[in-house]
């Protein structure tokens, strides 16, 4: 008489779990997309630059319809670059094009506005090999390959020398007063000079005092006959400006990937 032994359900579950795990990571599906207020706001990596290099791009698979990829300096949370991700692209190569300083630590963060979206976990290529970048951990301290989102294939190249640009905050004003409680916009002009062509600026790369531009246009701001770039920034997003600040910095890239920066004086006024 043949005796049959039943497999305990927990043992069977463990066997199926291990069998379905790939060499790169577990393949699972998240909850349905487009469920409002159910996803994660921010997720990503903490990285350290081992040399002065340009962070060129990252591959962002299974990105769950994230809206923006951000690069922040870890020491003070300054927003250095903010790049929109095309909606519906589940395997995007996102161009960052921002210079990193050797031994500085950064956060590479994907953010979903209003916490709306989930993604799904695919086969990971992690960790990856890039001797110019060290992965210190995941943003917010989660186990990176336990998340539904990932960055890989981080590409770098040697830095191009930074250009100096002439900027004019609130053109026409010599005092450049800014009320940080204002709900309006702050105009900043990048001026064309003999050494810098403002028409070469990639407007999407520009960050002023921690804020990306919300709109821009080309016009002759200083009346010298050359086209300048006039950008506008939400005052509420100027998080690098504090009471007592006397200067504000604008950074960005030209369309050929060369970094530039400019600065001008400001006067922070108290809210009425």
C-alpha atoms as a PDB file:
ATOM      1  CA  UNK A   1       0.000   0.000   0.000  1.00  0.00           C
ATOM      2  CA  UNK A   2       1.440   3.337  -1.044  1.00  0.00           C
ATOM      3  CA  UNK A   3       1.387   6.088   1.566  1.00  0.00           C
ATOM      4  CA  UNK A   4       1.030   9.713   0.424  1.00  0.00           C
ATOM      5  CA  UNK A   5       2.511  12.571   2.369  1.00  0.00           C
ATOM      6  CA  UNK A   6       0.913  15.978   2.091  1.00  0.00           C
ATOM      7  CA  UNK A   7       3.153  19.028   1.731  1.00  0.00           C
ATOM      8  CA  UNK A   8       2.502  21.681   4.355  1.00  0.00           C
ATOM      9  CA  UNK A   9       1.041  24.845   2.711  1.00  0.00           C
ATOM     10  CA  UNK A  10       3.822  27.042   4.163  1.00  0.00           C
ATOM     11  CA  UNK A  11       6.503  24.801   2.630  1.00  0.00           C
ATOM     12  CA  UNK A  12       4.713  24.839  -0.726  1.00  0.00           C
ATOM     13  CA  UNK A  13       4.491  28.658  -0.632  1.00  0.00           C
ATOM     14  CA  UNK A  14       8.207  28.953   0.141  1.00  0.00           C
ATOM     15  CA  UNK A  15       9.080  26.609  -2.738  1.00  0.00           C
ATOM     16  CA  UNK A  16       7.004  28.641  -5.210  1.00  0.00           C
ATOM     17  CA  UNK A  17       8.481  31.904  -3.862  1.00  0.00           C
ATOM     18  CA  UNK A  18      12.081  30.734  -4.327  1.00  0.00           C
ATOM     19  CA  UNK A  19      11.387  29.166  -7.713  1.00  0.00           C
ATOM     20  CA  UNK A  20       9.889  32.397  -9.039  1.00  0.00           C
ATOM     21  CA  UNK A  21      12.787  34.581  -7.868  1.00  0.00           C
ATOM     22  CA  UNK A  22      15.155  35.526 -10.681  1.00  0.00           C
ATOM     23  CA  UNK A  23      18.877  36.006 -10.350  1.00  0.00           C
ATOM     24  CA  UNK A  24      18.346  39.776 -10.323  1.00  0.00           C
ATOM     25  CA  UNK A  25      15.371  40.160  -8.031  1.00  0.00           C
ATOM     26  CA  UNK A  26      11.829  39.183  -7.333  1.00  0.00           C
ATOM     27  CA  UNK A  27       9.212  39.920  -9.979  1.00  0.00           C
ATOM     28  CA  UNK A  28       6.003  41.153  -8.371  1.00  0.00           C
ATOM     29  CA  UNK A  29       3.175  43.446  -9.334  1.00  0.00           C
ATOM     30  CA  UNK A  30       2.054  46.468  -7.361  1.00  0.00           C
ATOM     31  CA  UNK A  31      -1.548  47.588  -6.876  1.00  0.00           C
ATOM     32  CA  UNK A  32      -3.518  49.031  -9.776  1.00  0.00           C
ATOM     33  CA  UNK A  33      -2.318  52.323 -11.226  1.00  0.00           C
ATOM     34  CA  UNK A  34      -4.095  55.667 -10.913  1.00  0.00           C
ATOM     35  CA  UNK A  35      -5.330  55.121  -7.374  1.00  0.00           C
ATOM     36  CA  UNK A  36      -5.210  58.582  -5.858  1.00  0.00           C
ATOM     37  CA  UNK A  37      -3.277  59.094  -2.615  1.00  0.00           C
ATOM     38  CA  UNK A  38      -1.885  55.553  -2.535  1.00  0.00           C
ATOM     39  CA  UNK A  39       1.673  55.584  -3.902  1.00  0.00           C
ATOM     40  CA  UNK A  40       5.005  56.791  -2.541  1.00  0.00           C
ATOM     41  CA  UNK A  41       5.946  60.441  -2.917  1.00  0.00           C
ATOM     42  CA  UNK A  42       9.722  60.021  -3.178  1.00  0.00           C
ATOM     43  CA  UNK A  43      12.051  57.101  -3.835  1.00  0.00           C
ATOM     44  CA  UNK A  44      15.572  56.736  -5.182  1.00  0.00           C
ATOM     45  CA  UNK A  45      19.268  56.531  -4.313  1.00  0.00           C
ATOM     46  CA  UNK A  46      21.897  58.260  -2.213  1.00  0.00           C
ATOM     47  CA  UNK A  47      25.090  58.447  -4.283  1.00  0.00           C
ATOM     48  CA  UNK A  48      28.617  59.782  -3.833  1.00  0.00           C
ATOM     49  CA  UNK A  49      30.770  61.143  -6.650  1.00  0.00           C
ATOM     50  CA  UNK A  50      34.281  59.694  -6.608  1.00  0.00           C
ATOM     51  CA  UNK A  51      35.570  62.298  -9.113  1.00  0.00           C
ATOM     52  CA  UNK A  52      34.557  65.602 -10.649  1.00  0.00           C
ATOM     53  CA  UNK A  53      32.237  64.235 -13.316  1.00  0.00           C
ATOM     54  CA  UNK A  54      29.111  65.065 -15.257  1.00  0.00           C
ATOM     55  CA  UNK A  55      26.094  62.981 -14.276  1.00  0.00           C
ATOM     56  CA  UNK A  56      24.813  62.399 -17.792  1.00  0.00           C
ATOM     57  CA  UNK A  57      21.791  60.094 -17.496  1.00  0.00           C
ATOM     58  CA  UNK A  58      20.079  57.305 -15.596  1.00  0.00           C
ATOM     59  CA  UNK A  59      17.949  54.447 -16.821  1.00  0.00           C
ATOM     60  CA  UNK A  60      14.652  54.329 -14.930  1.00  0.00           C
ATOM     61  CA  UNK A  61      12.841  51.024 -15.534  1.00  0.00           C
ATOM     62  CA  UNK A  62       9.373  50.223 -14.184  1.00  0.00           C
ATOM     63  CA  UNK A  63       9.054  53.797 -13.060  1.00  0.00           C
ATOM     64  CA  UNK A  64       5.346  53.768 -12.292  1.00  0.00           C
ATOM     65  CA  UNK A  65       4.552  56.991 -14.119  1.00  0.00           C
ATOM     66  CA  UNK A  66       6.767  59.170 -11.925  1.00  0.00           C
ATOM     67  CA  UNK A  67       6.439  62.810 -12.836  1.00  0.00           C
ATOM     68  CA  UNK A  68       9.912  64.199 -12.120  1.00  0.00           C
ATOM     69  CA  UNK A  69      13.471  63.024 -11.497  1.00  0.00           C
ATOM     70  CA  UNK A  70      15.324  65.320  -9.090  1.00  0.00           C
ATOM     71  CA  UNK A  71      18.992  65.655  -8.169  1.00  0.00           C
ATOM     72  CA  UNK A  72      19.598  67.143  -4.721  1.00  0.00           C
ATOM     73  CA  UNK A  73      22.762  67.906  -2.764  1.00  0.00           C
ATOM     74  CA  UNK A  74      22.578  65.757   0.349  1.00  0.00           C
ATOM     75  CA  UNK A  75      24.288  68.185   2.740  1.00  0.00           C
ATOM     76  CA  UNK A  76      21.665  70.930   2.479  1.00  0.00           C
ATOM     77  CA  UNK A  77      18.871  69.370   0.355  1.00  0.00           C
ATOM     78  CA  UNK A  78      19.413  71.971  -2.381  1.00  0.00           C
ATOM     79  CA  UNK A  79      17.577  71.134  -5.610  1.00  0.00           C
ATOM     80  CA  UNK A  80      20.196  71.020  -8.369  1.00  0.00           C
ATOM     81  CA  UNK A  81      18.217  69.624 -11.301  1.00  0.00           C
ATOM     82  CA  UNK A  82      14.591  68.731 -11.972  1.00  0.00           C
ATOM     83  CA  UNK A  83      13.779  66.700 -15.102  1.00  0.00           C
ATOM     84  CA  UNK A  84      10.235  65.745 -16.188  1.00  0.00           C
ATOM     85  CA  UNK A  85       9.682  62.104 -17.170  1.00  0.00           C
ATOM     86  CA  UNK A  86       7.364  61.508 -20.132  1.00  0.00           C
ATOM     87  CA  UNK A  87       4.049  60.083 -18.947  1.00  0.00           C
ATOM     88  CA  UNK A  88       3.594  56.384 -19.591  1.00  0.00           C
ATOM     89  CA  UNK A  89       7.275  55.690 -20.262  1.00  0.00           C
ATOM     90  CA  UNK A  90       8.041  52.605 -18.171  1.00  0.00           C
ATOM     91  CA  UNK A  91      11.677  52.293 -19.229  1.00  0.00           C
ATOM     92  CA  UNK A  92      12.951  55.838 -19.587  1.00  0.00           C
ATOM     93  CA  UNK A  93      16.520  57.024 -20.076  1.00  0.00           C
ATOM     94  CA  UNK A  94      16.456  60.362 -18.265  1.00  0.00           C
ATOM     95  CA  UNK A  95      19.109  62.946 -19.153  1.00  0.00           C
ATOM     96  CA  UNK A  96      20.372  64.705 -16.019  1.00  0.00           C
ATOM     97  CA  UNK A  97      23.431  66.563 -17.403  1.00  0.00           C
ATOM     98  CA  UNK A  98      24.646  68.048 -14.134  1.00  0.00           C
ATOM     99  CA  UNK A  99      28.235  68.339 -12.812  1.00  0.00           C
ATOM    100  CA  UNK A 100      29.051  66.413  -9.623  1.00  0.00           C
ATOM    101  CA  UNK A 101      31.859  67.349  -7.239  1.00  0.00           C
ATOM    102  CA  UNK A 102      34.289  64.681  -6.057  1.00  0.00           C
ATOM    103  CA  UNK A 103      33.410  63.223  -2.618  1.00  0.00           C
ATOM    104  CA  UNK A 104      30.110  65.149  -2.482  1.00  0.00           C
ATOM    105  CA  UNK A 105      26.973  63.154  -1.650  1.00  0.00           C
ATOM    106  CA  UNK A 106      23.767  63.535  -3.635  1.00  0.00           C
ATOM    107  CA  UNK A 107      20.202  62.225  -3.691  1.00  0.00           C
ATOM    108  CA  UNK A 108      18.789  60.960  -6.958  1.00  0.00           C
ATOM    109  CA  UNK A 109      15.043  60.986  -6.359  1.00  0.00           C
ATOM    110  CA  UNK A 110      11.955  60.163  -8.392  1.00  0.00           C
ATOM    111  CA  UNK A 111       8.896  61.980  -7.132  1.00  0.00           C
ATOM    112  CA  UNK A 112       5.206  61.491  -7.940  1.00  0.00           C
ATOM    113  CA  UNK A 113       3.106  64.580  -7.421  1.00  0.00           C
ATOM    114  CA  UNK A 114       0.189  64.098  -5.003  1.00  0.00           C
ATOM    115  CA  UNK A 115       1.332  60.556  -4.199  1.00  0.00           C
ATOM    116  CA  UNK A 116      -0.739  58.979  -6.962  1.00  0.00           C
ATOM    117  CA  UNK A 117       1.128  56.157  -8.632  1.00  0.00           C
ATOM    118  CA  UNK A 118       2.468  52.679  -8.118  1.00  0.00           C
ATOM    119  CA  UNK A 119       4.851  50.839 -10.354  1.00  0.00           C
ATOM    120  CA  UNK A 120       5.910  47.208 -10.600  1.00  0.00           C
ATOM    121  CA  UNK A 121       9.160  45.518  -9.723  1.00  0.00           C
ATOM    122  CA  UNK A 122      11.122  44.035 -12.591  1.00  0.00           C
ATOM    123  CA  UNK A 123      14.409  42.144 -12.856  1.00  0.00           C
ATOM    124  CA  UNK A 124      17.133  44.284 -11.309  1.00  0.00           C
ATOM    125  CA  UNK A 125      20.615  45.017 -12.528  1.00  0.00           C
ATOM    126  CA  UNK A 126      21.834  46.101  -9.103  1.00  0.00           C
ATOM    127  CA  UNK A 127      24.391  46.923  -7.993  1.00  0.00           C
ATOM    128  CA  UNK A 128      25.867  48.202 -11.232  1.00  0.00           C
ATOM    129  CA  UNK A 129      29.452  49.046 -12.120  1.00  0.00           C
ATOM    130  CA  UNK A 130      30.488  52.697 -12.428  1.00  0.00           C
ATOM    131  CA  UNK A 131      33.784  53.522 -10.684  1.00  0.00           C
ATOM    132  CA  UNK A 132      32.971  57.243 -10.676  1.00  0.00           C
ATOM    133  CA  UNK A 133      29.800  56.751  -8.588  1.00  0.00           C
ATOM    134  CA  UNK A 134      29.304  54.914  -5.292  1.00  0.00           C
ATOM    135  CA  UNK A 135      25.826  53.879  -4.145  1.00  0.00           C
ATOM    136  CA  UNK A 136      25.589  54.611  -0.421  1.00  0.00           C
ATOM    137  CA  UNK A 137      22.024  53.367  -0.022  1.00  0.00           C
ATOM    138  CA  UNK A 138      18.465  54.087  -0.939  1.00  0.00           C
ATOM    139  CA  UNK A 139      16.717  57.377  -0.331  1.00  0.00           C
ATOM    140  CA  UNK A 140      14.858  57.336   3.003  1.00  0.00           C
ATOM    141  CA  UNK A 141      16.810  54.239   4.055  1.00  0.00           C
ATOM    142  CA  UNK A 142      14.656  51.527   2.499  1.00  0.00           C
ATOM    143  CA  UNK A 143      16.266  48.336   1.205  1.00  0.00           C
ATOM    144  CA  UNK A 144      16.715  49.337  -2.407  1.00  0.00           C
ATOM    145  CA  UNK A 145      15.984  46.026  -4.125  1.00  0.00           C
ATOM    146  CA  UNK A 146      12.874  45.640  -1.995  1.00  0.00           C
ATOM    147  CA  UNK A 147      11.166  48.579  -3.692  1.00  0.00           C
ATOM    148  CA  UNK A 148       9.018  48.737  -6.813  1.00  0.00           C
ATOM    149  CA  UNK A 149      11.209  51.394  -8.375  1.00  0.00           C
ATOM    150  CA  UNK A 150      14.846  51.476  -9.410  1.00  0.00           C
ATOM    151  CA  UNK A 151      17.592  53.440 -11.115  1.00  0.00           C
ATOM    152  CA  UNK A 152      20.399  51.715 -12.967  1.00  0.00           C
ATOM    153  CA  UNK A 153      22.907  52.311 -15.770  1.00  0.00           C
ATOM    154  CA  UNK A 154      24.042  55.634 -14.328  1.00  0.00           C
ATOM    155  CA  UNK A 155      26.283  57.207 -16.971  1.00  0.00           C
ATOM    156  CA  UNK A 156      28.938  59.862 -16.364  1.00  0.00           C
ATOM    157  CA  UNK A 157      31.619  61.750 -18.256  1.00  0.00           C
ATOM    158  CA  UNK A 158      34.372  64.200 -17.385  1.00  0.00           C
ATOM    159  CA  UNK A 159      33.112  67.665 -16.452  1.00  0.00           C
ATOM    160  CA  UNK A 160      33.127  70.550 -18.871  1.00  0.00           C
ATOM    161  CA  UNK A 161      34.403  73.812 -17.346  1.00  0.00           C
ATOM    162  CA  UNK A 162      31.583  75.907 -15.913  1.00  0.00           C
ATOM    163  CA  UNK A 163      30.660  79.151 -17.673  1.00  0.00           C
ATOM    164  CA  UNK A 164      29.877  82.392 -15.875  1.00  0.00           C
ATOM    165  CA  UNK A 165      26.623  84.071 -16.875  1.00  0.00           C
ATOM    166  CA  UNK A 166      25.421  87.593 -16.160  1.00  0.00           C
ATOM    167  CA  UNK A 167      21.953  87.526 -14.589  1.00  0.00           C
ATOM    168  CA  UNK A 168      19.576  90.291 -13.535  1.00  0.00           C
ATOM    169  CA  UNK A 169      17.010  89.518 -10.831  1.00  0.00           C
ATOM    170  CA  UNK A 170      13.829  91.574 -11.251  1.00  0.00           C
ATOM    171  CA  UNK A 171      15.078  93.521 -14.294  1.00  0.00           C
ATOM    172  CA  UNK A 172      14.566  97.257 -13.872  1.00  0.00           C
ATOM    173  CA  UNK A 173      14.995  97.082 -10.089  1.00  0.00           C
ATOM    174  CA  UNK A 174      18.254  97.904  -8.314  1.00  0.00           C
ATOM    175  CA  UNK A 175      17.175  96.595  -4.912  1.00  0.00           C
ATOM    176  CA  UNK A 176      15.715  93.207  -5.970  1.00  0.00           C
ATOM    177  CA  UNK A 177      13.401  92.899  -2.974  1.00  0.00           C
ATOM    178  CA  UNK A 178      11.798  89.473  -2.487  1.00  0.00           C
ATOM    179  CA  UNK A 179       9.003  88.689  -0.048  1.00  0.00           C
ATOM    180  CA  UNK A 180       9.255  84.942   0.552  1.00  0.00           C
ATOM    181  CA  UNK A 181       5.594  84.815   1.639  1.00  0.00           C
ATOM    182  CA  UNK A 182       4.469  86.105  -1.730  1.00  0.00           C
ATOM    183  CA  UNK A 183       2.442  83.788  -3.954  1.00  0.00           C
ATOM    184  CA  UNK A 184       3.693  85.475  -7.104  1.00  0.00           C
ATOM    185  CA  UNK A 185       6.606  85.022  -9.494  1.00  0.00           C
ATOM    186  CA  UNK A 186      10.165  86.359  -9.500  1.00  0.00           C
ATOM    187  CA  UNK A 187      11.571  87.279 -12.954  1.00  0.00           C
ATOM    188  CA  UNK A 188      15.250  86.612 -13.611  1.00  0.00           C
ATOM    189  CA  UNK A 189      17.020  87.473 -16.867  1.00  0.00           C
ATOM    190  CA  UNK A 190      20.029  85.623 -18.253  1.00  0.00           C
ATOM    191  CA  UNK A 191      21.787  88.248 -20.352  1.00  0.00           C
ATOM    192  CA  UNK A 192      23.725  87.779 -23.564  1.00  0.00           C
ATOM    193  CA  UNK A 193      27.286  89.114 -23.332  1.00  0.00           C
ATOM    194  CA  UNK A 194      30.482  88.821 -25.387  1.00  0.00           C
ATOM    195  CA  UNK A 195      31.354  85.666 -23.435  1.00  0.00           C
ATOM    196  CA  UNK A 196      27.941  84.065 -23.042  1.00  0.00           C
ATOM    197  CA  UNK A 197      24.988  83.513 -25.393  1.00  0.00           C
ATOM    198  CA  UNK A 198      21.750  83.451 -23.409  1.00  0.00           C
ATOM    199  CA  UNK A 199      19.971  81.857 -26.378  1.00  0.00           C
ATOM    200  CA  UNK A 200      22.086  78.725 -25.821  1.00  0.00           C
ATOM    201  CA  UNK A 201      20.513  78.107 -22.388  1.00  0.00           C
ATOM    202  CA  UNK A 202      18.450  74.947 -21.879  1.00  0.00           C
ATOM    203  CA  UNK A 203      15.559  76.535 -19.980  1.00  0.00           C
ATOM    204  CA  UNK A 204      14.402  73.199 -18.548  1.00  0.00           C
ATOM    205  CA  UNK A 205      17.747  72.827 -16.742  1.00  0.00           C
ATOM    206  CA  UNK A 206      17.705  76.199 -15.001  1.00  0.00           C
ATOM    207  CA  UNK A 207      17.384  76.322 -11.211  1.00  0.00           C
ATOM    208  CA  UNK A 208      17.154  79.623  -9.316  1.00  0.00           C
ATOM    209  CA  UNK A 209      17.567  79.522  -5.531  1.00  0.00           C
ATOM    210  CA  UNK A 210      16.296  75.940  -5.516  1.00  0.00           C
ATOM    211  CA  UNK A 211      13.324  76.457  -7.870  1.00  0.00           C
ATOM    212  CA  UNK A 212      12.841  75.395 -11.512  1.00  0.00           C
ATOM    213  CA  UNK A 213      11.470  77.913 -13.997  1.00  0.00           C
ATOM    214  CA  UNK A 214       7.725  77.851 -14.607  1.00  0.00           C
ATOM    215  CA  UNK A 215       7.947  79.800 -17.861  1.00  0.00           C
ATOM    216  CA  UNK A 216      10.430  81.680 -20.040  1.00  0.00           C
ATOM    217  CA  UNK A 217      10.665  83.817 -23.163  1.00  0.00           C
ATOM    218  CA  UNK A 218      13.322  85.421 -25.332  1.00  0.00           C
ATOM    219  CA  UNK A 219      13.499  89.214 -25.407  1.00  0.00           C
ATOM    220  CA  UNK A 220      16.038  92.032 -25.340  1.00  0.00           C
ATOM    221  CA  UNK A 221      15.904  92.722 -21.601  1.00  0.00           C
ATOM    222  CA  UNK A 222      18.818  95.176 -21.353  1.00  0.00           C
ATOM    223  CA  UNK A 223      18.212  97.020 -24.638  1.00  0.00           C
ATOM    224  CA  UNK A 224      21.580  96.213 -26.219  1.00  0.00           C
ATOM    225  CA  UNK A 225      20.085  94.672 -29.346  1.00  0.00           C
ATOM    226  CA  UNK A 226      20.824  91.067 -28.328  1.00  0.00           C
ATOM    227  CA  UNK A 227      18.285  88.457 -27.297  1.00  0.00           C
ATOM    228  CA  UNK A 228      18.239  87.530 -23.611  1.00  0.00           C
ATOM    229  CA  UNK A 229      16.333  84.820 -21.753  1.00  0.00           C
ATOM    230  CA  UNK A 230      13.751  85.965 -19.202  1.00  0.00           C
ATOM    231  CA  UNK A 231      12.608  83.245 -16.806  1.00  0.00           C
ATOM    232  CA  UNK A 232      10.003  83.282 -14.033  1.00  0.00           C
ATOM    233  CA  UNK A 233      10.123  81.317 -10.770  1.00  0.00           C
ATOM    234  CA  UNK A 234       7.490  80.768  -8.091  1.00  0.00           C
ATOM    235  CA  UNK A 235       8.476  82.733  -4.996  1.00  0.00           C
ATOM    236  CA  UNK A 236       7.107  79.973  -2.756  1.00  0.00           C
ATOM    237  CA  UNK A 237       9.615  77.515  -4.286  1.00  0.00           C
ATOM    238  CA  UNK A 238      12.752  79.607  -3.603  1.00  0.00           C
ATOM    239  CA  UNK A 239      13.754  77.376  -0.714  1.00  0.00           C
ATOM    240  CA  UNK A 240      17.434  78.351  -0.763  1.00  0.00           C
ATOM    241  CA  UNK A 241      16.536  81.924   0.201  1.00  0.00           C
ATOM    242  CA  UNK A 242      16.215  82.701   3.889  1.00  0.00           C
ATOM    243  CA  UNK A 243      15.877  85.839   5.961  1.00  0.00           C
ATOM    244  CA  UNK A 244      19.165  87.710   5.793  1.00  0.00           C
ATOM    245  CA  UNK A 245      20.260  86.385   2.387  1.00  0.00           C
ATOM    246  CA  UNK A 246      21.936  89.048   0.262  1.00  0.00           C
ATOM    247  CA  UNK A 247      22.657  87.016  -2.872  1.00  0.00           C
ATOM    248  CA  UNK A 248      20.870  84.433  -5.021  1.00  0.00           C
ATOM    249  CA  UNK A 249      22.385  81.961  -7.473  1.00  0.00           C
ATOM    250  CA  UNK A 250      21.042  80.664 -10.784  1.00  0.00           C
ATOM    251  CA  UNK A 251      22.497  77.496 -12.311  1.00  0.00           C
ATOM    252  CA  UNK A 252      21.789  75.591 -15.490  1.00  0.00           C
ATOM    253  CA  UNK A 253      23.125  73.965 -18.640  1.00  0.00           C
ATOM    254  CA  UNK A 254      23.517  75.108 -22.203  1.00  0.00           C
ATOM    255  CA  UNK A 255      21.973  72.976 -24.928  1.00  0.00           C
ATOM    256  CA  UNK A 256      25.375  71.343 -25.559  1.00  0.00           C
ATOM    257  CA  UNK A 257      25.626  70.229 -21.912  1.00  0.00           C
ATOM    258  CA  UNK A 258      27.987  72.906 -20.559  1.00  0.00           C
ATOM    259  CA  UNK A 259      27.152  74.037 -16.996  1.00  0.00           C
ATOM    260  CA  UNK A 260      26.860  77.723 -16.144  1.00  0.00           C
ATOM    261  CA  UNK A 261      25.988  79.827 -13.137  1.00  0.00           C
ATOM    262  CA  UNK A 262      25.237  83.441 -12.332  1.00  0.00           C
ATOM    263  CA  UNK A 263      24.486  85.459  -9.214  1.00  0.00           C
ATOM    264  CA  UNK A 264      22.895  88.770  -8.271  1.00  0.00           C
ATOM    265  CA  UNK A 265      22.068  90.638  -5.084  1.00  0.00           C
ATOM    266  CA  UNK A 266      18.720  90.327  -3.292  1.00  0.00           C
ATOM    267  CA  UNK A 267      17.023  91.887  -0.293  1.00  0.00           C
ATOM    268  CA  UNK A 268      14.655  89.631   1.644  1.00  0.00           C
ATOM    269  CA  UNK A 269      11.808  91.719   3.015  1.00  0.00           C
ATOM    270  CA  UNK A 270       9.486  90.656   5.850  1.00  0.00           C
ATOM    271  CA  UNK A 271       5.911  89.686   5.094  1.00  0.00           C
ATOM    272  CA  UNK A 272       3.397  92.449   5.721  1.00  0.00           C
END
